[in-house]
Amino acid sequence: QVQLLESGGGLVQAGGSLRLSCAASGRTFSSYATGWFRQAPGKAREFVGAINWSGRIQYYADSVKGRFTISRDNAKSTVYLQMNSLKPEDTAVYYCASPSGPVGGNYDQSQRYNYWGQGTQVTVSS
């Protein structure tokens, strides 16, 4: 049974930083990509970024490019989302997700991901 557990959310002032973690268990973590998505109140869930199985390739939404960085430590079965220069519009519940197989390059499509964490709240005050 695959389980994903996010942590690291919280309240931060605009311009600040947070690092989210996504710890995985239940299968060979290093074989799969991991994506980050977020959902703000009243809005649809949106893609934030993703990292391939090896960690060599990352993808980012335009809204976070240059501010957010995704990395992974396969030895710890953990993926990280480093968020810098946070803005109030980054306020959302952040989810990590993992597919059951290759996503075929469609890292930004939530339907490609089969396993989801419970989410962690990030609130950025102005």
Protein backbone atom coordinates (compact mmCIF):
# COMPACT_ATOMS: atom_id res chain seq x y z
CA GLN A 1 0.00 0.00 0.00
CA VAL A 2 1.54 3.27 -1.16
CA GLN A 3 1.41 6.11 1.33
CA LEU A 4 2.53 9.70 0.90
CA LEU A 5 2.86 12.06 3.83
CA GLU A 6 3.46 15.78 3.42
CA SER A 7 4.90 18.00 6.11
CA GLY A 8 6.45 21.42 6.50
CA GLY A 9 3.50 23.68 5.85
CA GLY A 10 2.74 26.70 7.97
CA LEU A 11 2.26 30.44 8.13
CA VAL A 12 4.91 32.68 6.62
CA GLN A 13 5.12 36.32 5.64
CA ALA A 14 5.35 37.36 2.01
CA GLY A 15 8.91 37.07 0.80
CA GLY A 16 9.65 34.24 3.19
CA SER A 17 10.50 30.59 2.58
CA LEU A 18 9.20 27.18 3.46
CA ARG A 19 10.34 23.67 2.62
CA LEU A 20 7.75 20.96 2.21
CA SER A 21 8.58 17.30 2.45
CA CYS A 22 6.79 14.30 0.97
CA ALA A 23 7.75 11.00 2.55
CA ALA A 24 6.74 7.87 0.67
CA SER A 25 6.34 4.28 1.74
CA GLY A 26 4.92 1.09 0.36
CA ARG A 27 6.93 0.59 -2.81
CA THR A 28 10.26 1.30 -4.51
CA PHE A 29 10.25 5.06 -4.27
CA SER A 30 13.11 5.65 -6.67
CA SER A 31 11.24 4.11 -9.60
CA TYR A 32 8.56 6.79 -9.89
CA ALA A 33 8.11 10.46 -10.55
CA THR A 34 6.58 12.72 -7.93
CA GLY A 35 4.40 15.73 -8.50
CA TRP A 36 3.34 18.66 -6.35
CA PHE A 37 -0.08 20.23 -6.74
CA ARG A 38 -1.92 22.87 -4.76
CA GLN A 39 -5.50 23.92 -4.21
CA ALA A 40 -6.62 27.28 -2.91
CA PRO A 41 -10.11 27.81 -1.46
CA GLY A 42 -12.69 28.01 -4.20
CA LYS A 43 -10.19 27.19 -6.92
CA ALA A 44 -9.33 24.11 -8.89
CA ARG A 45 -6.29 22.05 -8.04
CA GLU A 46 -3.29 23.20 -10.03
CA PHE A 47 0.08 21.80 -10.96
CA VAL A 48 3.07 23.24 -9.12
CA GLY A 49 5.94 21.08 -10.25
CA ALA A 50 7.26 17.57 -10.64
CA ILE A 51 10.47 15.61 -10.60
CA ASN A 52 11.32 12.49 -12.51
CA TRP A 53 12.38 9.24 -10.89
CA SER A 54 16.10 10.01 -10.92
CA GLY A 55 15.80 13.63 -9.85
CA ARG A 56 17.64 14.84 -12.95
CA ILE A 57 14.58 16.45 -14.56
CA GLN A 58 12.21 18.92 -12.94
CA TYR A 59 9.15 20.64 -14.30
CA TYR A 60 7.55 23.79 -12.92
CA ALA A 61 4.43 25.81 -13.46
CA ASP A 62 5.16 29.26 -14.83
CA SER A 63 3.74 30.82 -11.67
CA VAL A 64 6.44 29.30 -9.48
CA LYS A 65 9.38 29.02 -11.87
CA GLY A 66 12.47 30.63 -10.42
CA ARG A 67 11.03 30.64 -6.90
CA PHE A 68 10.33 26.96 -6.17
CA THR A 69 12.75 24.05 -6.42
CA ILE A 70 11.95 20.35 -6.27
CA SER A 71 14.52 17.79 -5.23
CA ARG A 72 14.50 14.22 -4.03
CA ASP A 73 16.50 11.94 -1.81
CA ASN A 74 15.78 8.40 -2.92
CA ALA A 75 17.74 6.97 -0.01
CA LYS A 76 15.20 8.62 2.30
CA SER A 77 12.21 8.06 0.00
CA THR A 78 11.49 11.76 0.27
CA VAL A 79 10.79 14.57 -2.18
CA TYR A 80 11.20 18.20 -1.20
CA LEU A 81 9.57 21.40 -2.39
CA GLN A 82 11.68 24.42 -1.49
CA MET A 83 9.56 27.55 -1.76
CA ASN A 84 11.27 30.94 -1.75
CA SER A 85 9.98 34.47 -2.28
CA LEU A 86 6.53 33.36 -1.26
CA LYS A 87 3.55 35.46 -2.27
CA PRO A 88 0.03 35.64 -0.80
CA GLU A 89 -1.26 33.96 -3.95
CA ASP A 90 0.81 30.88 -3.06
CA THR A 91 -1.58 30.26 -0.17
CA ALA A 92 -3.13 26.82 -0.66
CA VAL A 93 -3.15 23.24 0.50
CA TYR A 94 -0.16 21.54 -1.10
CA TYR A 95 -0.30 17.89 -2.12
CA CYS A 96 2.34 15.51 -3.32
CA ALA A 97 1.34 12.75 -5.70
CA SER A 98 2.86 9.72 -7.34
CA PRO A 99 1.82 7.71 -10.39
CA SER A 100 1.46 3.96 -10.66
CA GLY A 101 3.66 3.97 -13.76
CA PRO A 102 5.24 6.28 -16.34
CA VAL A 103 3.41 9.56 -16.88
CA GLY A 104 4.61 9.82 -20.47
CA GLY A 105 5.84 13.34 -20.08
CA ASN A 106 2.46 14.57 -18.84
CA TYR A 107 3.75 15.59 -15.44
CA ASP A 108 1.28 18.44 -15.10
CA GLN A 109 -1.85 16.32 -15.48
CA SER A 110 -3.31 15.34 -12.11
CA GLN A 111 -5.15 12.36 -13.60
CA ARG A 112 -1.76 10.75 -14.26
CA TYR A 113 -1.18 10.41 -10.53
CA ASN A 114 -2.76 7.57 -8.59
CA TYR A 115 -1.51 8.17 -5.06
CA TRP A 116 -1.96 11.37 -3.11
CA GLY A 117 -0.96 12.64 0.28
CA GLN A 118 -3.35 14.29 2.70
CA GLY A 119 -2.01 17.76 2.00
CA THR A 120 -0.31 20.42 4.07
CA GLN A 121 -1.53 24.00 4.46
CA VAL A 122 0.67 26.87 3.36
CA THR A 123 -0.50 30.35 4.27
CA VAL A 124 1.39 33.43 3.12
CA SER A 125 0.44 36.69 4.79
CA SER A 126 0.88 40.06 3.10
